[in-house]
Amino acid sequence: GDLVSGEIHNLIQFSEWQNAIKNAMATGE
């Protein structure tokens, strides 16, 4: 777990793609 930082701590705006779905897909790939 914690493969991505998710959204509960308002980190989406500071993430790689600033999009939770793209972040998850890229990590899965």
PDB file of all heavy atoms in Angstrom:
ATOM      1  N   GLY A   1       0.776  -1.227   0.000  1.00  0.00           N
ATOM      2  CA  GLY A   1       0.000   0.000   0.000  1.00  0.00           C
ATOM      3  C   GLY A   1       0.810   1.281   0.000  1.00  0.00           C
ATOM      4  O   GLY A   1       2.044   1.273   0.026  1.00  0.00           O
ATOM      5  N   ASP A   2       0.078   2.413  -0.035  1.00  0.00           N
ATOM      6  CA  ASP A   2       0.644   3.751  -0.207  1.00  0.00           C
ATOM      7  C   ASP A   2       1.513   3.799  -1.460  1.00  0.00           C
ATOM      8  O   ASP A   2       2.594   4.401  -1.468  1.00  0.00           O
ATOM      9  CB  ASP A   2       1.444   4.176   1.029  1.00  0.00           C
ATOM     10  CG  ASP A   2       0.533   4.660   2.160  1.00  0.00           C
ATOM     11  OD1 ASP A   2      -0.696   4.599   1.985  1.00  0.00           O
ATOM     12  OD2 ASP A   2       1.047   5.076   3.206  1.00  0.00           O
ATOM     13  N   LEU A   3       1.011   3.177  -2.522  1.00  0.00           N
ATOM     14  CA  LEU A   3       1.706   3.218  -3.805  1.00  0.00           C
ATOM     15  C   LEU A   3       1.611   4.620  -4.399  1.00  0.00           C
ATOM     16  O   LEU A   3       2.509   5.058  -5.118  1.00  0.00           O
ATOM     17  CB  LEU A   3       1.100   2.185  -4.752  1.00  0.00           C
ATOM     18  CG  LEU A   3       1.052   0.739  -4.204  1.00  0.00           C
ATOM     19  CD1 LEU A   3       0.352  -0.183  -5.191  1.00  0.00           C
ATOM     20  CD2 LEU A   3       2.453   0.236  -3.899  1.00  0.00           C
ATOM     21  N   VAL A   4       0.518   5.306  -4.097  1.00  0.00           N
ATOM     22  CA  VAL A   4       0.364   6.717  -4.456  1.00  0.00           C
ATOM     23  C   VAL A   4      -0.028   7.488  -3.200  1.00  0.00           C
ATOM     24  O   VAL A   4      -0.480   6.906  -2.214  1.00  0.00           O
ATOM     25  CB  VAL A   4      -0.701   6.925  -5.562  1.00  0.00           C
ATOM     26  CG1 VAL A   4      -0.219   6.364  -6.890  1.00  0.00           C
ATOM     27  CG2 VAL A   4      -2.025   6.263  -5.171  1.00  0.00           C
ATOM     28  N   SER A   5       0.120   8.799  -3.246  1.00  0.00           N
ATOM     29  CA  SER A   5      -0.183   9.619  -2.065  1.00  0.00           C
ATOM     30  C   SER A   5      -1.663   9.939  -1.935  1.00  0.00           C
ATOM     31  O   SER A   5      -2.112  10.378  -0.872  1.00  0.00           O
ATOM     32  CB  SER A   5       0.625  10.920  -2.097  1.00  0.00           C
ATOM     33  OG  SER A   5       1.987  10.639  -1.904  1.00  0.00           O
ATOM     34  N   GLY A   6      -2.429   9.746  -3.037  1.00  0.00           N
ATOM     35  CA  GLY A   6      -3.875   9.904  -2.954  1.00  0.00           C
ATOM     36  C   GLY A   6      -4.321  11.343  -2.781  1.00  0.00           C
ATOM     37  O   GLY A   6      -3.613  12.291  -3.110  1.00  0.00           O
ATOM     38  N   GLU A   7      -5.521  11.482  -2.189  1.00  0.00           N
ATOM     39  CA  GLU A   7      -6.156  12.794  -2.142  1.00  0.00           C
ATOM     40  C   GLU A   7      -6.545  13.247  -0.740  1.00  0.00           C
ATOM     41  O   GLU A   7      -6.950  14.397  -0.554  1.00  0.00           O
ATOM     42  CB  GLU A   7      -7.417  12.765  -3.017  1.00  0.00           C
ATOM     43  CG  GLU A   7      -8.403  11.668  -2.625  1.00  0.00           C
ATOM     44  CD  GLU A   7      -9.565  11.541  -3.606  1.00  0.00           C
ATOM     45  OE1 GLU A   7      -9.998  12.574  -4.139  1.00  0.00           O
ATOM     46  OE2 GLU A   7     -10.033  10.407  -3.815  1.00  0.00           O
ATOM     47  N   ILE A   8      -6.423  12.396   0.286  1.00  0.00           N
ATOM     48  CA  ILE A   8      -6.960  12.762   1.598  1.00  0.00           C
ATOM     49  C   ILE A   8      -6.161  13.878   2.263  1.00  0.00           C
ATOM     50  O   ILE A   8      -6.663  14.546   3.160  1.00  0.00           O
ATOM     51  CB  ILE A   8      -7.039  11.537   2.535  1.00  0.00           C
ATOM     52  CG1 ILE A   8      -5.639  10.957   2.785  1.00  0.00           C
ATOM     53  CG2 ILE A   8      -7.979  10.494   1.999  1.00  0.00           C
ATOM     54  CD1 ILE A   8      -5.612   9.908   3.881  1.00  0.00           C
ATOM     55  N   HIS A   9      -4.927  14.080   1.856  1.00  0.00           N
ATOM     56  CA  HIS A   9      -4.119  15.146   2.442  1.00  0.00           C
ATOM     57  C   HIS A   9      -3.935  16.317   1.465  1.00  0.00           C
ATOM     58  O   HIS A   9      -2.979  17.090   1.592  1.00  0.00           O
ATOM     59  CB  HIS A   9      -2.753  14.599   2.851  1.00  0.00           C
ATOM     60  CG  HIS A   9      -2.826  13.546   3.915  1.00  0.00           C
ATOM     61  ND1 HIS A   9      -3.353  13.774   5.159  1.00  0.00           N
ATOM     62  CD2 HIS A   9      -2.450  12.230   3.913  1.00  0.00           C
ATOM     63  CE1 HIS A   9      -3.292  12.668   5.891  1.00  0.00           C
ATOM     64  NE2 HIS A   9      -2.750  11.717   5.154  1.00  0.00           N
ATOM     65  N   ASN A  10      -4.839  16.411   0.488  1.00  0.00           N
ATOM     66  CA  ASN A  10      -4.818  17.514  -0.487  1.00  0.00           C
ATOM     67  C   ASN A  10      -3.485  17.598  -1.231  1.00  0.00           C
ATOM     68  O   ASN A  10      -2.938  18.683  -1.468  1.00  0.00           O
ATOM     69  CB  ASN A  10      -5.104  18.857   0.207  1.00  0.00           C
ATOM     70  CG  ASN A  10      -6.466  18.899   0.848  1.00  0.00           C
ATOM     71  OD1 ASN A  10      -7.448  18.401   0.281  1.00  0.00           O
ATOM     72  ND2 ASN A  10      -6.554  19.458   2.039  1.00  0.00           N
ATOM     73  N   LEU A  11      -2.963  16.417  -1.613  1.00  0.00           N
ATOM     74  CA  LEU A  11      -1.679  16.378  -2.303  1.00  0.00           C
ATOM     75  C   LEU A  11      -1.810  16.299  -3.820  1.00  0.00           C
ATOM     76  O   LEU A  11      -0.803  16.315  -4.520  1.00  0.00           O
ATOM     77  CB  LEU A  11      -0.855  15.178  -1.795  1.00  0.00           C
ATOM     78  CG  LEU A  11      -0.395  15.261  -0.342  1.00  0.00           C
ATOM     79  CD1 LEU A  11       0.320  13.981   0.062  1.00  0.00           C
ATOM     80  CD2 LEU A  11       0.525  16.457  -0.134  1.00  0.00           C
ATOM     81  N   ILE A  12      -3.044  16.187  -4.315  1.00  0.00           N
ATOM     82  CA  ILE A  12      -3.234  16.072  -5.770  1.00  0.00           C
ATOM     83  C   ILE A  12      -2.644  17.279  -6.490  1.00  0.00           C
ATOM     84  O   ILE A  12      -1.983  17.153  -7.532  1.00  0.00           O
ATOM     85  CB  ILE A  12      -4.741  15.936  -6.112  1.00  0.00           C
ATOM     86  CG1 ILE A  12      -5.297  14.615  -5.562  1.00  0.00           C
ATOM     87  CG2 ILE A  12      -4.949  16.005  -7.622  1.00  0.00           C
ATOM     88  CD1 ILE A  12      -4.695  13.386  -6.176  1.00  0.00           C
ATOM     89  N   GLN A  13      -2.823  18.474  -5.942  1.00  0.00           N
ATOM     90  CA  GLN A  13      -2.334  19.680  -6.618  1.00  0.00           C
ATOM     91  C   GLN A  13      -0.803  19.723  -6.676  1.00  0.00           C
ATOM     92  O   GLN A  13      -0.229  20.463  -7.474  1.00  0.00           O
ATOM     93  CB  GLN A  13      -2.866  20.921  -5.896  1.00  0.00           C
ATOM     94  CG  GLN A  13      -2.475  20.991  -4.425  1.00  0.00           C
ATOM     95  CD  GLN A  13      -3.057  22.199  -3.729  1.00  0.00           C
ATOM     96  OE1 GLN A  13      -3.087  23.293  -4.289  1.00  0.00           O
ATOM     97  NE2 GLN A  13      -3.522  22.016  -2.492  1.00  0.00           N
ATOM     98  N   PHE A  14      -0.122  18.945  -5.810  1.00  0.00           N
ATOM     99  CA  PHE A  14       1.334  18.909  -5.814  1.00  0.00           C
ATOM    100  C   PHE A  14       1.883  17.623  -6.445  1.00  0.00           C
ATOM    101  O   PHE A  14       3.079  17.370  -6.393  1.00  0.00           O
ATOM    102  CB  PHE A  14       1.869  19.017  -4.371  1.00  0.00           C
ATOM    103  CG  PHE A  14       1.394  20.236  -3.646  1.00  0.00           C
ATOM    104  CD1 PHE A  14       0.455  20.134  -2.633  1.00  0.00           C
ATOM    105  CD2 PHE A  14       1.878  21.497  -3.987  1.00  0.00           C
ATOM    106  CE1 PHE A  14       0.006  21.260  -1.960  1.00  0.00           C
ATOM    107  CE2 PHE A  14       1.443  22.626  -3.313  1.00  0.00           C
ATOM    108  CZ  PHE A  14       0.502  22.517  -2.303  1.00  0.00           C
ATOM    109  N   SER A  15       1.002  16.805  -7.027  1.00  0.00           N
ATOM    110  CA  SER A  15       1.416  15.514  -7.570  1.00  0.00           C
ATOM    111  C   SER A  15       1.960  15.660  -8.981  1.00  0.00           C
ATOM    112  O   SER A  15       1.947  16.746  -9.571  1.00  0.00           O
ATOM    113  CB  SER A  15       0.236  14.532  -7.559  1.00  0.00           C
ATOM    114  OG  SER A  15      -0.775  14.974  -8.450  1.00  0.00           O
ATOM    115  N   GLU A  16       2.404  14.554  -9.571  1.00  0.00           N
ATOM    116  CA  GLU A  16       3.085  14.578 -10.868  1.00  0.00           C
ATOM    117  C   GLU A  16       2.182  15.092 -11.982  1.00  0.00           C
ATOM    118  O   GLU A  16       2.552  15.972 -12.750  1.00  0.00           O
ATOM    119  CB  GLU A  16       3.587  13.168 -11.192  1.00  0.00           C
ATOM    120  CG  GLU A  16       4.424  13.080 -12.445  1.00  0.00           C
ATOM    121  CD  GLU A  16       5.810  13.676 -12.269  1.00  0.00           C
ATOM    122  OE1 GLU A  16       6.282  13.814 -11.113  1.00  0.00           O
ATOM    123  OE2 GLU A  16       6.426  14.012 -13.300  1.00  0.00           O
ATOM    124  N   TRP A  17       0.993  14.501 -12.085  1.00  0.00           N
ATOM    125  CA  TRP A  17       0.071  14.914 -13.165  1.00  0.00           C
ATOM    126  C   TRP A  17      -1.090  15.753 -12.645  1.00  0.00           C
ATOM    127  O   TRP A  17      -1.949  16.147 -13.414  1.00  0.00           O
ATOM    128  CB  TRP A  17      -0.471  13.679 -13.882  1.00  0.00           C
ATOM    129  CG  TRP A  17       0.533  13.050 -14.802  1.00  0.00           C
ATOM    130  CD1 TRP A  17       0.796  13.398 -16.098  1.00  0.00           C
ATOM    131  CD2 TRP A  17       1.436  11.989 -14.490  1.00  0.00           C
ATOM    132  NE1 TRP A  17       1.787  12.620 -16.620  1.00  0.00           N
ATOM    133  CE2 TRP A  17       2.213  11.729 -15.658  1.00  0.00           C
ATOM    134  CE3 TRP A  17       1.687  11.213 -13.364  1.00  0.00           C
ATOM    135  CZ2 TRP A  17       3.193  10.753 -15.707  1.00  0.00           C
ATOM    136  CZ3 TRP A  17       2.663  10.239 -13.419  1.00  0.00           C
ATOM    137  CH2 TRP A  17       3.411  10.014 -14.578  1.00  0.00           C
ATOM    138  N   GLN A  18      -1.138  15.990 -11.351  1.00  0.00           N
ATOM    139  CA  GLN A  18      -2.215  16.739 -10.708  1.00  0.00           C
ATOM    140  C   GLN A  18      -3.577  16.161 -11.074  1.00  0.00           C
ATOM    141  O   GLN A  18      -4.569  16.881 -11.215  1.00  0.00           O
ATOM    142  CB  GLN A  18      -2.137  18.228 -11.088  1.00  0.00           C
ATOM    143  CG  GLN A  18      -0.845  18.871 -10.634  1.00  0.00           C
ATOM    144  CD  GLN A  18      -0.782  20.353 -10.937  1.00  0.00           C
ATOM    145  OE1 GLN A  18      -1.773  20.971 -11.321  1.00  0.00           O
ATOM    146  NE2 GLN A  18       0.395  20.954 -10.759  1.00  0.00           N
ATOM    147  N   ASN A  19      -3.576  14.835 -11.218  1.00  0.00           N
ATOM    148  CA  ASN A  19      -4.798  14.105 -11.563  1.00  0.00           C
ATOM    149  C   ASN A  19      -4.671  12.716 -10.953  1.00  0.00           C
ATOM    150  O   ASN A  19      -3.766  11.957 -11.311  1.00  0.00           O
ATOM    151  CB  ASN A  19      -4.959  14.033 -13.087  1.00  0.00           C
ATOM    152  CG  ASN A  19      -6.236  13.338 -13.512  1.00  0.00           C
ATOM    153  OD1 ASN A  19      -6.413  12.153 -13.273  1.00  0.00           O
ATOM    154  ND2 ASN A  19      -7.126  14.075 -14.175  1.00  0.00           N
ATOM    155  N   ALA A  20      -5.573  12.356 -10.041  1.00  0.00           N
ATOM    156  CA  ALA A  20      -5.450  11.103  -9.295  1.00  0.00           C
ATOM    157  C   ALA A  20      -5.519   9.883 -10.207  1.00  0.00           C
ATOM    158  O   ALA A  20      -4.827   8.881  -9.983  1.00  0.00           O
ATOM    159  CB  ALA A  20      -6.539  11.017  -8.223  1.00  0.00           C
ATOM    160  N   ILE A  21      -6.347   9.950 -11.265  1.00  0.00           N
ATOM    161  CA  ILE A  21      -6.492   8.799 -12.161  1.00  0.00           C
ATOM    162  C   ILE A  21      -5.203   8.589 -12.953  1.00  0.00           C
ATOM    163  O   ILE A  21      -4.697   7.466 -13.059  1.00  0.00           O
ATOM    164  CB  ILE A  21      -7.688   9.011 -13.110  1.00  0.00           C
ATOM    165  CG1 ILE A  21      -8.992   9.051 -12.305  1.00  0.00           C
ATOM    166  CG2 ILE A  21      -7.743   7.899 -14.155  1.00  0.00           C
ATOM    167  CD1 ILE A  21     -10.217   9.353 -13.126  1.00  0.00           C
ATOM    168  N   LYS A  22      -4.637   9.662 -13.506  1.00  0.00           N
ATOM    169  CA  LYS A  22      -3.383   9.534 -14.248  1.00  0.00           C
ATOM    170  C   LYS A  22      -2.242   9.078 -13.333  1.00  0.00           C
ATOM    171  O   LYS A  22      -1.405   8.265 -13.730  1.00  0.00           O
ATOM    172  CB  LYS A  22      -3.020  10.866 -14.911  1.00  0.00           C
ATOM    173  CG  LYS A  22      -3.825  11.181 -16.158  1.00  0.00           C
ATOM    174  CD  LYS A  22      -3.269  12.416 -16.855  1.00  0.00           C
ATOM    175  CE  LYS A  22      -3.991  12.678 -18.173  1.00  0.00           C
ATOM    176  NZ  LYS A  22      -3.427  13.851 -18.884  1.00  0.00           N
ATOM    177  N   ASN A  23      -2.211   9.597 -12.111  1.00  0.00           N
ATOM    178  CA  ASN A  23      -1.184   9.164 -11.159  1.00  0.00           C
ATOM    179  C   ASN A  23      -1.251   7.652 -10.914  1.00  0.00           C
ATOM    180  O   ASN A  23      -0.232   6.960 -10.908  1.00  0.00           O
ATOM    181  CB  ASN A  23      -1.360   9.893  -9.822  1.00  0.00           C
ATOM    182  CG  ASN A  23      -1.059  11.376  -9.923  1.00  0.00           C
ATOM    183  OD1 ASN A  23      -0.339  11.820 -10.816  1.00  0.00           O
ATOM    184  ND2 ASN A  23      -1.603  12.150  -9.001  1.00  0.00           N
ATOM    185  N   ALA A  24      -2.468   7.153 -10.726  1.00  0.00           N
ATOM    186  CA  ALA A  24      -2.657   5.732 -10.458  1.00  0.00           C
ATOM    187  C   ALA A  24      -2.308   4.891 -11.680  1.00  0.00           C
ATOM    188  O   ALA A  24      -1.662   3.838 -11.566  1.00  0.00           O
ATOM    189  CB  ALA A  24      -4.099   5.468 -10.027  1.00  0.00           C
ATOM    190  N   MET A  25      -2.704   5.338 -12.860  1.00  0.00           N
ATOM    191  CA  MET A  25      -2.421   4.579 -14.088  1.00  0.00           C
ATOM    192  C   MET A  25      -0.918   4.516 -14.362  1.00  0.00           C
ATOM    193  O   MET A  25      -0.387   3.465 -14.726  1.00  0.00           O
ATOM    194  CB  MET A  25      -3.163   5.226 -15.267  1.00  0.00           C
ATOM    195  CG  MET A  25      -4.668   5.066 -15.221  1.00  0.00           C
ATOM    196  SD  MET A  25      -5.531   6.077 -16.446  1.00  0.00           S
ATOM    197  CE  MET A  25      -4.878   5.423 -17.972  1.00  0.00           C
ATOM    198  N   ALA A  26      -0.238   5.643 -14.172  1.00  0.00           N
ATOM    199  CA  ALA A  26       1.207   5.665 -14.411  1.00  0.00           C
ATOM    200  C   ALA A  26       1.932   4.743 -13.434  1.00  0.00           C
ATOM    201  O   ALA A  26       2.842   3.989 -13.826  1.00  0.00           O
ATOM    202  CB  ALA A  26       1.737   7.088 -14.266  1.00  0.00           C
ATOM    203  N   THR A  27       1.533   4.766 -12.176  1.00  0.00           N
ATOM    204  CA  THR A  27       2.158   3.895 -11.172  1.00  0.00           C
ATOM    205  C   THR A  27       1.869   2.436 -11.478  1.00  0.00           C
ATOM    206  O   THR A  27       2.760   1.574 -11.348  1.00  0.00           O
ATOM    207  CB  THR A  27       1.652   4.260  -9.759  1.00  0.00           C
ATOM    208  OG1 THR A  27       1.853   5.655  -9.531  1.00  0.00           O
ATOM    209  CG2 THR A  27       2.396   3.467  -8.701  1.00  0.00           C
ATOM    210  N   GLY A  28       0.649   2.131 -11.909  1.00  0.00           N
ATOM    211  CA  GLY A  28       0.314   0.758 -12.282  1.00  0.00           C
ATOM    212  C   GLY A  28       1.123   0.275 -13.469  1.00  0.00           C
ATOM    213  O   GLY A  28       1.575  -0.882 -13.512  1.00  0.00           O
ATOM    214  N   GLU A  29       1.335   1.150 -14.453  1.00  0.00           N
ATOM    215  CA  GLU A  29       2.144   0.768 -15.610  1.00  0.00           C
ATOM    216  C   GLU A  29       3.594   0.518 -15.208  1.00  0.00           C
ATOM    217  O   GLU A  29       4.242  -0.417 -15.698  1.00  0.00           O
ATOM    218  CB  GLU A  29       2.063   1.860 -16.680  1.00  0.00           C
ATOM    219  CG  GLU A  29       2.745   1.471 -17.987  1.00  0.00           C
ATOM    220  CD  GLU A  29       2.478   2.455 -19.110  1.00  0.00           C
ATOM    221  OE1 GLU A  29       1.514   3.244 -19.010  1.00  0.00           O
ATOM    222  OE2 GLU A  29       3.250   2.448 -20.097  1.00  0.00           O
TER     223      GLU A  29
END
